[in-house]
């Protein structure tokens, strides 16, 4: 019997039901294995890293469409997953996480916001 991966379990959980496509996309994109491929192709600091090295740089678990911390607070234990603007109102980020920059002196992290477009 083949052992299922987290990604295949997410796909299986979506099949048979009729969930909204954007929620499926967010759940799939939030897997570190997929985020690592996105970082490798889109962020210069990761272009020469292996996928496993990039996965190891992703800090904690990505936050997916959840209510975040108010942007005016100084709580560094969590990242805001939403902002409020005067013209746009409330904005909720699809996927937000931090990733350590490889080969940097000290501890340098990037805040990454991934928006699913389907």
PDB file of N, CA and C in Angstrom:
ATOM      1  N   UNK A   1       0.838  -1.168   0.000  1.00  0.00           N
ATOM      2  CA  UNK A   1       0.000   0.000   0.000  1.00  0.00           C
ATOM      3  C   UNK A   1       0.893   1.245   0.000  1.00  0.00           C
ATOM      4  N   UNK A   2       0.587   2.188  -0.897  1.00  0.00           N
ATOM      5  CA  UNK A   2       1.356   3.426  -0.978  1.00  0.00           C
ATOM      6  C   UNK A   2       0.994   4.358   0.166  1.00  0.00           C
ATOM      7  N   UNK A   3       2.021   4.973   0.727  1.00  0.00           N
ATOM      8  CA  UNK A   3       1.776   5.952   1.779  1.00  0.00           C
ATOM      9  C   UNK A   3       1.406   7.276   1.119  1.00  0.00           C
ATOM     10  N   UNK A   4       0.335   7.877   1.584  1.00  0.00           N
ATOM     11  CA  UNK A   4      -0.119   9.129   0.998  1.00  0.00           C
ATOM     12  C   UNK A   4       0.712  10.292   1.525  1.00  0.00           C
ATOM     13  N   UNK A   5       0.890  11.289   0.686  1.00  0.00           N
ATOM     14  CA  UNK A   5       1.560  12.516   1.109  1.00  0.00           C
ATOM     15  C   UNK A   5       0.509  13.512   1.583  1.00  0.00           C
ATOM     16  N   UNK A   6       0.957  14.526   2.293  1.00  0.00           N
ATOM     17  CA  UNK A   6       0.030  15.571   2.727  1.00  0.00           C
ATOM     18  C   UNK A   6      -0.664  16.226   1.547  1.00  0.00           C
ATOM     19  N   UNK A   7       0.060  16.403   0.449  1.00  0.00           N
ATOM     20  CA  UNK A   7      -0.523  17.038  -0.731  1.00  0.00           C
ATOM     21  C   UNK A   7      -1.619  16.152  -1.326  1.00  0.00           C
ATOM     22  N   UNK A   8      -1.353  14.852  -1.455  1.00  0.00           N
ATOM     23  CA  UNK A   8      -2.368  13.965  -2.020  1.00  0.00           C
ATOM     24  C   UNK A   8      -3.583  13.849  -1.113  1.00  0.00           C
ATOM     25  N   UNK A   9      -3.354  13.936   0.211  1.00  0.00           N
ATOM     26  CA  UNK A   9      -4.487  13.913   1.144  1.00  0.00           C
ATOM     27  C   UNK A   9      -5.358  15.157   0.969  1.00  0.00           C
ATOM     28  N   UNK A  10      -4.734  16.299   0.707  1.00  0.00           N
ATOM     29  CA  UNK A  10      -5.491  17.526   0.469  1.00  0.00           C
ATOM     30  C   UNK A  10      -6.321  17.398  -0.796  1.00  0.00           C
ATOM     31  N   UNK A  11      -5.736  16.853  -1.849  1.00  0.00           N
ATOM     32  CA  UNK A  11      -6.471  16.661  -3.108  1.00  0.00           C
ATOM     33  C   UNK A  11      -7.616  15.684  -2.901  1.00  0.00           C
ATOM     34  N   UNK A  12      -7.361  14.573  -2.211  1.00  0.00           N
ATOM     35  CA  UNK A  12      -8.412  13.591  -1.944  1.00  0.00           C
ATOM     36  C   UNK A  12      -9.542  14.182  -1.113  1.00  0.00           C
ATOM     37  N   UNK A  13      -9.187  15.014  -0.138  1.00  0.00           N
ATOM     38  CA  UNK A  13     -10.206  15.625   0.712  1.00  0.00           C
ATOM     39  C   UNK A  13     -11.111  16.547  -0.097  1.00  0.00           C
ATOM     40  N   UNK A  14     -10.575  17.132  -1.150  1.00  0.00           N
ATOM     41  CA  UNK A  14     -11.363  18.050  -1.975  1.00  0.00           C
ATOM     42  C   UNK A  14     -12.234  17.316  -2.982  1.00  0.00           C
ATOM     43  N   UNK A  15     -11.837  16.119  -3.396  1.00  0.00           N
ATOM     44  CA  UNK A  15     -12.605  15.404  -4.402  1.00  0.00           C
ATOM     45  C   UNK A  15     -13.856  14.787  -3.789  1.00  0.00           C
ATOM     46  N   UNK A  16     -14.898  14.668  -4.583  1.00  0.00           N
ATOM     47  CA  UNK A  16     -16.136  14.079  -4.099  1.00  0.00           C
ATOM     48  C   UNK A  16     -17.056  15.102  -3.475  1.00  0.00           C
ATOM     49  N   UNK A  17     -16.502  16.171  -2.956  1.00  0.00           N
ATOM     50  CA  UNK A  17     -17.296  17.270  -2.433  1.00  0.00           C
ATOM     51  C   UNK A  17     -17.224  18.389  -3.456  1.00  0.00           C
ATOM     52  N   UNK A  18     -17.912  19.441  -3.260  1.00  0.00           N
ATOM     53  CA  UNK A  18     -17.836  20.551  -4.186  1.00  0.00           C
ATOM     54  C   UNK A  18     -17.421  21.828  -3.450  1.00  0.00           C
ATOM     55  N   UNK A  19     -16.228  21.837  -2.842  1.00  0.00           N
ATOM     56  CA  UNK A  19     -15.786  23.030  -2.121  1.00  0.00           C
ATOM     57  C   UNK A  19     -15.399  24.129  -3.103  1.00  0.00           C
ATOM     58  N   UNK A  20     -15.323  25.316  -2.616  1.00  0.00           N
ATOM     59  CA  UNK A  20     -14.922  26.431  -3.480  1.00  0.00           C
ATOM     60  C   UNK A  20     -13.490  26.232  -3.946  1.00  0.00           C
ATOM     61  N   UNK A  21     -13.268  26.495  -5.219  1.00  0.00           N
ATOM     62  CA  UNK A  21     -11.950  26.271  -5.820  1.00  0.00           C
ATOM     63  C   UNK A  21     -10.850  27.109  -5.165  1.00  0.00           C
ATOM     64  N   UNK A  22     -11.160  28.324  -4.745  1.00  0.00           N
ATOM     65  CA  UNK A  22     -10.102  29.139  -4.139  1.00  0.00           C
ATOM     66  C   UNK A  22      -9.616  28.553  -2.819  1.00  0.00           C
ATOM     67  N   UNK A  23     -10.515  27.928  -2.057  1.00  0.00           N
ATOM     68  CA  UNK A  23     -10.085  27.286  -0.806  1.00  0.00           C
ATOM     69  C   UNK A  23      -9.195  26.091  -1.078  1.00  0.00           C
ATOM     70  N   UNK A  24      -9.508  25.331  -2.125  1.00  0.00           N
ATOM     71  CA  UNK A  24      -8.666  24.194  -2.500  1.00  0.00           C
ATOM     72  C   UNK A  24      -7.285  24.696  -2.913  1.00  0.00           C
ATOM     73  N   UNK A  25      -7.271  25.749  -3.741  1.00  0.00           N
ATOM     74  CA  UNK A  25      -5.996  26.295  -4.204  1.00  0.00           C
ATOM     75  C   UNK A  25      -5.149  26.774  -3.032  1.00  0.00           C
ATOM     76  N   UNK A  26      -5.755  27.472  -2.085  1.00  0.00           N
ATOM     77  CA  UNK A  26      -5.018  27.960  -0.915  1.00  0.00           C
ATOM     78  C   UNK A  26      -4.435  26.812  -0.114  1.00  0.00           C
ATOM     79  N   UNK A  27      -5.231  25.772   0.114  1.00  0.00           N
ATOM     80  CA  UNK A  27      -4.751  24.629   0.897  1.00  0.00           C
ATOM     81  C   UNK A  27      -3.599  23.920   0.195  1.00  0.00           C
ATOM     82  N   UNK A  28      -3.682  23.786  -1.128  1.00  0.00           N
ATOM     83  CA  UNK A  28      -2.599  23.143  -1.872  1.00  0.00           C
ATOM     84  C   UNK A  28      -1.338  24.001  -1.867  1.00  0.00           C
ATOM     85  N   UNK A  29      -1.512  25.286  -2.129  1.00  0.00           N
ATOM     86  CA  UNK A  29      -0.357  26.179  -2.176  1.00  0.00           C
ATOM     87  C   UNK A  29       0.345  26.307  -0.838  1.00  0.00           C
ATOM     88  N   UNK A  30      -0.356  26.099   0.246  1.00  0.00           N
ATOM     89  CA  UNK A  30       0.213  26.278   1.583  1.00  0.00           C
ATOM     90  C   UNK A  30       1.149  25.156   2.009  1.00  0.00           C
ATOM     91  N   UNK A  31       1.223  24.074   1.256  1.00  0.00           N
ATOM     92  CA  UNK A  31       2.160  23.003   1.591  1.00  0.00           C
ATOM     93  C   UNK A  31       3.583  23.488   1.342  1.00  0.00           C
ATOM     94  N   UNK A  32       4.448  23.235   2.288  1.00  0.00           N
ATOM     95  CA  UNK A  32       5.825  23.723   2.190  1.00  0.00           C
ATOM     96  C   UNK A  32       6.519  23.237   0.918  1.00  0.00           C
ATOM     97  N   UNK A  33       6.209  22.030   0.477  1.00  0.00           N
ATOM     98  CA  UNK A  33       6.834  21.494  -0.728  1.00  0.00           C
ATOM     99  C   UNK A  33       6.495  22.357  -1.939  1.00  0.00           C
ATOM    100  N   UNK A  34       5.272  22.841  -2.014  1.00  0.00           N
ATOM    101  CA  UNK A  34       4.848  23.682  -3.139  1.00  0.00           C
ATOM    102  C   UNK A  34       5.385  25.095  -2.965  1.00  0.00           C
ATOM    103  N   UNK A  35       5.308  25.623  -1.741  1.00  0.00           N
ATOM    104  CA  UNK A  35       5.856  26.954  -1.483  1.00  0.00           C
ATOM    105  C   UNK A  35       7.344  27.012  -1.814  1.00  0.00           C
ATOM    106  N   UNK A  36       8.063  25.928  -1.556  1.00  0.00           N
ATOM    107  CA  UNK A  36       9.499  25.893  -1.865  1.00  0.00           C
ATOM    108  C   UNK A  36       9.740  26.053  -3.361  1.00  0.00           C
ATOM    109  N   UNK A  37       8.922  25.418  -4.180  1.00  0.00           N
ATOM    110  CA  UNK A  37       9.060  25.559  -5.639  1.00  0.00           C
ATOM    111  C   UNK A  37       8.745  26.993  -6.069  1.00  0.00           C
ATOM    112  N   UNK A  38       7.737  27.603  -5.452  1.00  0.00           N
ATOM    113  CA  UNK A  38       7.396  28.991  -5.765  1.00  0.00           C
ATOM    114  C   UNK A  38       8.556  29.909  -5.400  1.00  0.00           C
ATOM    115  N   UNK A  39       9.120  29.725  -4.201  1.00  0.00           N
ATOM    116  CA  UNK A  39      10.246  30.552  -3.775  1.00  0.00           C
ATOM    117  C   UNK A  39      11.450  30.375  -4.693  1.00  0.00           C
ATOM    118  N   UNK A  40      11.732  29.152  -5.087  1.00  0.00           N
ATOM    119  CA  UNK A  40      12.886  28.883  -5.951  1.00  0.00           C
ATOM    120  C   UNK A  40      12.761  29.617  -7.284  1.00  0.00           C
ATOM    121  N   UNK A  41      11.545  29.656  -7.833  1.00  0.00           N
ATOM    122  CA  UNK A  41      11.348  30.299  -9.126  1.00  0.00           C
ATOM    123  C   UNK A  41      11.095  31.794  -9.064  1.00  0.00           C
ATOM    124  N   UNK A  42      10.691  32.305  -7.906  1.00  0.00           N
ATOM    125  CA  UNK A  42      10.265  33.703  -7.845  1.00  0.00           C
ATOM    126  C   UNK A  42      11.138  34.612  -6.980  1.00  0.00           C
ATOM    127  N   UNK A  43      11.941  34.046  -6.100  1.00  0.00           N
ATOM    128  CA  UNK A  43      12.725  34.861  -5.167  1.00  0.00           C
ATOM    129  C   UNK A  43      14.212  34.578  -5.397  1.00  0.00           C
ATOM    130  N   UNK A  44      14.929  35.608  -5.794  1.00  0.00           N
ATOM    131  CA  UNK A  44      16.336  35.481  -6.161  1.00  0.00           C
ATOM    132  C   UNK A  44      17.180  34.785  -5.099  1.00  0.00           C
ATOM    133  N   UNK A  45      16.907  35.048  -3.819  1.00  0.00           N
ATOM    134  CA  UNK A  45      17.714  34.479  -2.733  1.00  0.00           C
ATOM    135  C   UNK A  45      17.662  32.952  -2.681  1.00  0.00           C
ATOM    136  N   UNK A  46      16.681  32.327  -3.316  1.00  0.00           N
ATOM    137  CA  UNK A  46      16.512  30.872  -3.248  1.00  0.00           C
ATOM    138  C   UNK A  46      16.854  30.152  -4.552  1.00  0.00           C
ATOM    139  N   UNK A  47      17.230  30.861  -5.587  1.00  0.00           N
ATOM    140  CA  UNK A  47      17.388  30.244  -6.905  1.00  0.00           C
ATOM    141  C   UNK A  47      18.431  29.130  -6.946  1.00  0.00           C
ATOM    142  N   UNK A  48      19.465  29.214  -6.130  1.00  0.00           N
ATOM    143  CA  UNK A  48      20.524  28.199  -6.141  1.00  0.00           C
ATOM    144  C   UNK A  48      20.366  27.151  -5.047  1.00  0.00           C
ATOM    145  N   UNK A  49      19.258  27.191  -4.313  1.00  0.00           N
ATOM    146  CA  UNK A  49      19.017  26.240  -3.220  1.00  0.00           C
ATOM    147  C   UNK A  49      18.248  25.024  -3.731  1.00  0.00           C
ATOM    148  N   UNK A  50      18.441  23.902  -3.044  1.00  0.00           N
ATOM    149  CA  UNK A  50      17.614  22.727  -3.338  1.00  0.00           C
ATOM    150  C   UNK A  50      16.237  22.940  -2.715  1.00  0.00           C
ATOM    151  N   UNK A  51      15.263  22.183  -3.173  1.00  0.00           N
ATOM    152  CA  UNK A  51      13.907  22.293  -2.620  1.00  0.00           C
ATOM    153  C   UNK A  51      13.932  21.989  -1.124  1.00  0.00           C
ATOM    154  N   UNK A  52      14.687  20.989  -0.701  1.00  0.00           N
ATOM    155  CA  UNK A  52      14.751  20.649   0.722  1.00  0.00           C
ATOM    156  C   UNK A  52      15.366  21.785   1.531  1.00  0.00           C
ATOM    157  N   UNK A  53      16.399  22.434   0.998  1.00  0.00           N
ATOM    158  CA  UNK A  53      16.998  23.574   1.703  1.00  0.00           C
ATOM    159  C   UNK A  53      15.978  24.701   1.883  1.00  0.00           C
ATOM    160  N   UNK A  54      15.164  24.922   0.856  1.00  0.00           N
ATOM    161  CA  UNK A  54      14.148  25.977   0.946  1.00  0.00           C
ATOM    162  C   UNK A  54      13.076  25.593   1.958  1.00  0.00           C
ATOM    163  N   UNK A  55      12.635  24.336   1.928  1.00  0.00           N
ATOM    164  CA  UNK A  55      11.650  23.869   2.915  1.00  0.00           C
ATOM    165  C   UNK A  55      12.174  24.113   4.326  1.00  0.00           C
ATOM    166  N   UNK A  56      13.455  23.826   4.538  1.00  0.00           N
ATOM    167  CA  UNK A  56      14.055  24.026   5.854  1.00  0.00           C
ATOM    168  C   UNK A  56      14.099  25.506   6.255  1.00  0.00           C
ATOM    169  N   UNK A  57      14.064  26.408   5.288  1.00  0.00           N
ATOM    170  CA  UNK A  57      14.074  27.848   5.567  1.00  0.00           C
ATOM    171  C   UNK A  57      12.692  28.386   5.934  1.00  0.00           C
ATOM    172  N   UNK A  58      11.634  27.683   5.558  1.00  0.00           N
ATOM    173  CA  UNK A  58      10.275  28.157   5.853  1.00  0.00           C
ATOM    174  C   UNK A  58      10.029  27.981   7.343  1.00  0.00           C
ATOM    175  N   UNK A  59       9.709  29.089   7.993  1.00  0.00           N
ATOM    176  CA  UNK A  59       9.580  29.106   9.454  1.00  0.00           C
ATOM    177  C   UNK A  59       8.139  28.850   9.874  1.00  0.00           C
ATOM    178  N   UNK A  60       7.952  27.901  10.771  1.00  0.00           N
ATOM    179  CA  UNK A  60       6.613  27.609  11.282  1.00  0.00           C
ATOM    180  C   UNK A  60       5.688  27.075  10.206  1.00  0.00           C
ATOM    181  N   UNK A  61       4.400  27.247  10.425  1.00  0.00           N
ATOM    182  CA  UNK A  61       3.399  26.796   9.465  1.00  0.00           C
ATOM    183  C   UNK A  61       2.779  28.010   8.777  1.00  0.00           C
ATOM    184  N   UNK A  62       2.649  27.954   7.466  1.00  0.00           N
ATOM    185  CA  UNK A  62       2.009  29.064   6.765  1.00  0.00           C
ATOM    186  C   UNK A  62       0.586  29.296   7.269  1.00  0.00           C
ATOM    187  N   UNK A  63       0.212  30.555   7.375  1.00  0.00           N
ATOM    188  CA  UNK A  63      -1.132  30.928   7.796  1.00  0.00           C
ATOM    189  C   UNK A  63      -1.991  31.051   6.547  1.00  0.00           C
ATOM    190  N   UNK A  64      -3.128  30.365   6.537  1.00  0.00           N
ATOM    191  CA  UNK A  64      -3.982  30.327   5.352  1.00  0.00           C
ATOM    192  C   UNK A  64      -5.314  30.997   5.657  1.00  0.00           C
ATOM    193  N   UNK A  65      -5.540  32.177   5.062  1.00  0.00           N
ATOM    194  CA  UNK A  65      -6.813  32.869   5.117  1.00  0.00           C
ATOM    195  C   UNK A  65      -7.424  33.025   6.495  1.00  0.00           C
ATOM    196  N   UNK A  66      -6.603  33.075   7.521  1.00  0.00           N
ATOM    197  CA  UNK A  66      -7.148  33.204   8.875  1.00  0.00           C
ATOM    198  C   UNK A  66      -7.083  34.656   9.322  1.00  0.00           C
ATOM    199  N   UNK A  67      -7.843  34.968  10.330  1.00  0.00           N
ATOM    200  CA  UNK A  67      -7.840  36.326  10.862  1.00  0.00           C
ATOM    201  C   UNK A  67      -6.528  36.561  11.574  1.00  0.00           C
ATOM    202  N   UNK A  68      -5.863  37.636  11.238  1.00  0.00           N
ATOM    203  CA  UNK A  68      -4.548  37.901  11.792  1.00  0.00           C
ATOM    204  C   UNK A  68      -4.574  38.952  12.876  1.00  0.00           C
ATOM    205  N   UNK A  69      -3.393  39.425  13.185  1.00  0.00           N
ATOM    206  CA  UNK A  69      -3.192  40.434  14.207  1.00  0.00           C
ATOM    207  C   UNK A  69      -3.415  41.802  13.573  1.00  0.00           C
ATOM    208  N   UNK A  70      -4.009  42.742  14.315  1.00  0.00           N
ATOM    209  CA  UNK A  70      -4.212  44.091  13.796  1.00  0.00           C
ATOM    210  C   UNK A  70      -2.868  44.677  13.377  1.00  0.00           C
ATOM    211  N   UNK A  71      -2.775  45.318  12.199  1.00  0.00           N
ATOM    212  CA  UNK A  71      -1.488  45.779  11.687  1.00  0.00           C
ATOM    213  C   UNK A  71      -0.790  46.835  12.537  1.00  0.00           C
ATOM    214  N   UNK A  72      -1.507  47.524  13.421  1.00  0.00           N
ATOM    215  CA  UNK A  72      -0.883  48.565  14.233  1.00  0.00           C
ATOM    216  C   UNK A  72      -0.268  48.044  15.525  1.00  0.00           C
ATOM    217  N   UNK A  73      -0.408  46.764  15.819  1.00  0.00           N
ATOM    218  CA  UNK A  73       0.167  46.238  17.044  1.00  0.00           C
ATOM    219  C   UNK A  73       1.626  45.888  16.831  1.00  0.00           C
ATOM    220  N   UNK A  74       2.323  45.644  17.904  1.00  0.00           N
ATOM    221  CA  UNK A  74       3.741  45.301  17.811  1.00  0.00           C
ATOM    222  C   UNK A  74       3.979  43.845  18.182  1.00  0.00           C
ATOM    223  N   UNK A  75       2.963  43.019  18.057  1.00  0.00           N
ATOM    224  CA  UNK A  75       3.075  41.609  18.391  1.00  0.00           C
ATOM    225  C   UNK A  75       3.943  40.915  17.347  1.00  0.00           C
ATOM    226  N   UNK A  76       5.170  40.551  17.723  1.00  0.00           N
ATOM    227  CA  UNK A  76       6.058  39.911  16.762  1.00  0.00           C
ATOM    228  C   UNK A  76       5.924  38.396  16.778  1.00  0.00           C
ATOM    229  N   UNK A  77       5.021  37.856  17.598  1.00  0.00           N
ATOM    230  CA  UNK A  77       4.843  36.411  17.666  1.00  0.00           C
ATOM    231  C   UNK A  77       3.991  35.887  16.529  1.00  0.00           C
ATOM    232  N   UNK A  78       3.278  36.753  15.844  1.00  0.00           N
ATOM    233  CA  UNK A  78       2.439  36.333  14.734  1.00  0.00           C
ATOM    234  C   UNK A  78       2.422  37.399  13.673  1.00  0.00           C
ATOM    235  N   UNK A  79       2.130  37.002  12.456  1.00  0.00           N
ATOM    236  CA  UNK A  79       2.042  37.950  11.361  1.00  0.00           C
ATOM    237  C   UNK A  79       0.583  38.265  11.095  1.00  0.00           C
ATOM    238  N   UNK A  80       0.287  39.498  10.735  1.00  0.00           N
ATOM    239  CA  UNK A  80      -1.095  39.795  10.389  1.00  0.00           C
ATOM    240  C   UNK A  80      -1.468  39.114   9.077  1.00  0.00           C
ATOM    241  N   UNK A  81      -2.633  38.529   9.016  1.00  0.00           N
ATOM    242  CA  UNK A  81      -3.146  37.934   7.785  1.00  0.00           C
ATOM    243  C   UNK A  81      -4.202  38.831   7.170  1.00  0.00           C
ATOM    244  N   UNK A  82      -4.360  40.009   7.765  1.00  0.00           N
ATOM    245  CA  UNK A  82      -5.320  40.945   7.212  1.00  0.00           C
ATOM    246  C   UNK A  82      -4.832  42.355   7.448  1.00  0.00           C
ATOM    247  N   UNK A  83      -5.254  43.260   6.604  1.00  0.00           N
ATOM    248  CA  UNK A  83      -5.018  44.681   6.754  1.00  0.00           C
ATOM    249  C   UNK A  83      -6.336  45.383   6.523  1.00  0.00           C
ATOM    250  N   UNK A  84      -6.428  46.601   6.987  1.00  0.00           N
ATOM    251  CA  UNK A  84      -7.599  47.410   6.732  1.00  0.00           C
ATOM    252  C   UNK A  84      -7.123  48.701   6.100  1.00  0.00           C
ATOM    253  N   UNK A  85      -7.709  49.045   4.952  1.00  0.00           N
ATOM    254  CA  UNK A  85      -7.354  50.285   4.286  1.00  0.00           C
ATOM    255  C   UNK A  85      -8.584  51.163   4.180  1.00  0.00           C
ATOM    256  N   UNK A  86      -8.363  52.441   3.984  1.00  0.00           N
ATOM    257  CA  UNK A  86      -9.473  53.382   3.876  1.00  0.00           C
ATOM    258  C   UNK A  86     -10.281  53.120   2.612  1.00  0.00           C
ATOM    259  N   UNK A  87      -9.612  52.849   1.498  1.00  0.00           N
ATOM    260  CA  UNK A  87     -10.313  52.695   0.223  1.00  0.00           C
ATOM    261  C   UNK A  87     -10.772  51.271  -0.059  1.00  0.00           C
ATOM    262  N   UNK A  88     -10.067  50.274   0.455  1.00  0.00           N
ATOM    263  CA  UNK A  88     -10.370  48.881   0.130  1.00  0.00           C
ATOM    264  C   UNK A  88     -11.149  48.157   1.218  1.00  0.00           C
ATOM    265  N   UNK A  89     -11.120  48.673   2.450  1.00  0.00           N
ATOM    266  CA  UNK A  89     -11.735  47.950   3.552  1.00  0.00           C
ATOM    267  C   UNK A  89     -10.807  46.861   4.051  1.00  0.00           C
ATOM    268  N   UNK A  90     -11.377  45.764   4.505  1.00  0.00           N
ATOM    269  CA  UNK A  90     -10.599  44.658   5.075  1.00  0.00           C
ATOM    270  C   UNK A  90     -10.017  43.797   3.959  1.00  0.00           C
ATOM    271  N   UNK A  91      -8.711  43.510   4.073  1.00  0.00           N
ATOM    272  CA  UNK A  91      -8.005  42.660   3.117  1.00  0.00           C
ATOM    273  C   UNK A  91      -7.491  41.449   3.881  1.00  0.00           C
ATOM    274  N   UNK A  92      -7.830  40.255   3.422  1.00  0.00           N
ATOM    275  CA  UNK A  92      -7.342  39.021   4.041  1.00  0.00           C
ATOM    276  C   UNK A  92      -6.378  38.364   3.065  1.00  0.00           C
ATOM    277  N   UNK A  93      -5.167  38.093   3.533  1.00  0.00           N
ATOM    278  CA  UNK A  93      -4.166  37.456   2.686  1.00  0.00           C
ATOM    279  C   UNK A  93      -4.456  35.971   2.559  1.00  0.00           C
ATOM    280  N   UNK A  94      -4.234  35.415   1.360  1.00  0.00           N
ATOM    281  CA  UNK A  94      -4.465  33.984   1.149  1.00  0.00           C
ATOM    282  C   UNK A  94      -3.499  33.151   1.978  1.00  0.00           C
ATOM    283  N   UNK A  95      -2.209  33.350   1.765  1.00  0.00           N
ATOM    284  CA  UNK A  95      -1.181  32.572   2.466  1.00  0.00           C
ATOM    285  C   UNK A  95      -0.075  33.529   2.865  1.00  0.00           C
ATOM    286  N   UNK A  96       0.299  33.505   4.124  1.00  0.00           N
ATOM    287  CA  UNK A  96       1.368  34.373   4.598  1.00  0.00           C
ATOM    288  C   UNK A  96       2.281  33.555   5.501  1.00  0.00           C
ATOM    289  N   UNK A  97       3.595  33.723   5.294  1.00  0.00           N
ATOM    290  CA  UNK A  97       4.579  33.000   6.106  1.00  0.00           C
ATOM    291  C   UNK A  97       5.902  33.738   6.066  1.00  0.00           C
ATOM    292  N   UNK A  98       6.812  33.324   6.921  1.00  0.00           N
ATOM    293  CA  UNK A  98       8.168  33.865   6.883  1.00  0.00           C
ATOM    294  C   UNK A  98       9.126  32.762   6.458  1.00  0.00           C
ATOM    295  N   UNK A  99      10.191  33.182   5.805  1.00  0.00           N
ATOM    296  CA  UNK A  99      11.221  32.237   5.370  1.00  0.00           C
ATOM    297  C   UNK A  99      12.583  32.876   5.617  1.00  0.00           C
ATOM    298  N   UNK A 100      13.436  32.117   6.252  1.00  0.00           N
ATOM    299  CA  UNK A 100      14.806  32.564   6.533  1.00  0.00           C
ATOM    300  C   UNK A 100      15.572  32.658   5.220  1.00  0.00           C
ATOM    301  N   UNK A 101      16.350  33.713   5.075  1.00  0.00           N
ATOM    302  CA  UNK A 101      17.176  33.879   3.880  1.00  0.00           C
ATOM    303  C   UNK A 101      18.425  33.022   4.052  1.00  0.00           C
ATOM    304  N   UNK A 102      18.685  32.102   3.109  1.00  0.00           N
ATOM    305  CA  UNK A 102      19.855  31.225   3.243  1.00  0.00           C
ATOM    306  C   UNK A 102      21.156  32.009   3.063  1.00  0.00           C
ATOM    307  N   UNK A 103      22.186  31.540   3.724  1.00  0.00           N
ATOM    308  CA  UNK A 103      23.546  32.085   3.581  1.00  0.00           C
ATOM    309  C   UNK A 103      23.657  33.551   3.967  1.00  0.00           C
ATOM    310  N   UNK A 104      22.843  34.016   4.876  1.00  0.00           N
ATOM    311  CA  UNK A 104      22.919  35.397   5.354  1.00  0.00           C
ATOM    312  C   UNK A 104      23.567  35.402   6.732  1.00  0.00           C
ATOM    313  N   UNK A 105      24.324  36.429   7.010  1.00  0.00           N
ATOM    314  CA  UNK A 105      24.889  36.611   8.339  1.00  0.00           C
ATOM    315  C   UNK A 105      23.756  36.975   9.292  1.00  0.00           C
ATOM    316  N   UNK A 106      23.717  36.378  10.447  1.00  0.00           N
ATOM    317  CA  UNK A 106      22.643  36.663  11.389  1.00  0.00           C
ATOM    318  C   UNK A 106      21.342  36.004  10.939  1.00  0.00           C
ATOM    319  N   UNK A 107      20.241  36.484  11.460  1.00  0.00           N
ATOM    320  CA  UNK A 107      18.939  35.899  11.134  1.00  0.00           C
ATOM    321  C   UNK A 107      18.125  36.913  10.337  1.00  0.00           C
ATOM    322  N   UNK A 108      18.028  36.680   9.032  1.00  0.00           N
ATOM    323  CA  UNK A 108      17.253  37.552   8.152  1.00  0.00           C
ATOM    324  C   UNK A 108      16.108  36.723   7.595  1.00  0.00           C
ATOM    325  N   UNK A 109      14.884  37.229   7.761  1.00  0.00           N
ATOM    326  CA  UNK A 109      13.699  36.520   7.242  1.00  0.00           C
ATOM    327  C   UNK A 109      12.927  37.431   6.308  1.00  0.00           C
ATOM    328  N   UNK A 110      12.288  36.811   5.350  1.00  0.00           N
ATOM    329  CA  UNK A 110      11.392  37.516   4.444  1.00  0.00           C
ATOM    330  C   UNK A 110       9.969  37.194   4.843  1.00  0.00           C
ATOM    331  N   UNK A 111       9.071  38.159   4.719  1.00  0.00           N
ATOM    332  CA  UNK A 111       7.652  37.918   4.903  1.00  0.00           C
ATOM    333  C   UNK A 111       7.081  37.692   3.514  1.00  0.00           C
ATOM    334  N   UNK A 112       6.506  36.521   3.299  1.00  0.00           N
ATOM    335  CA  UNK A 112       6.003  36.143   1.983  1.00  0.00           C
ATOM    336  C   UNK A 112       4.481  36.097   2.027  1.00  0.00           C
ATOM    337  N   UNK A 113       3.858  36.706   1.049  1.00  0.00           N
ATOM    338  CA  UNK A 113       2.409  36.695   0.898  1.00  0.00           C
ATOM    339  C   UNK A 113       2.100  36.077  -0.464  1.00  0.00           C
ATOM    340  N   UNK A 114       1.414  34.934  -0.493  1.00  0.00           N
ATOM    341  CA  UNK A 114       1.060  34.261  -1.732  1.00  0.00           C
ATOM    342  C   UNK A 114      -0.442  34.432  -1.950  1.00  0.00           C
ATOM    343  N   UNK A 115      -0.814  34.923  -3.104  1.00  0.00           N
ATOM    344  CA  UNK A 115      -2.219  35.108  -3.459  1.00  0.00           C
ATOM    345  C   UNK A 115      -2.571  34.121  -4.558  1.00  0.00           C
ATOM    346  N   UNK A 116      -3.559  33.304  -4.308  1.00  0.00           N
ATOM    347  CA  UNK A 116      -4.015  32.319  -5.294  1.00  0.00           C
ATOM    348  C   UNK A 116      -4.945  33.016  -6.287  1.00  0.00           C
ATOM    349  N   UNK A 117      -4.671  32.850  -7.561  1.00  0.00           N
ATOM    350  CA  UNK A 117      -5.517  33.409  -8.621  1.00  0.00           C
ATOM    351  C   UNK A 117      -6.005  32.266  -9.498  1.00  0.00           C
ATOM    352  N   UNK A 118      -7.295  31.980  -9.422  1.00  0.00           N
ATOM    353  CA  UNK A 118      -7.830  30.899 -10.257  1.00  0.00           C
ATOM    354  C   UNK A 118      -8.952  31.407 -11.116  1.00  0.00           C
TER     355      UNK A 118
END
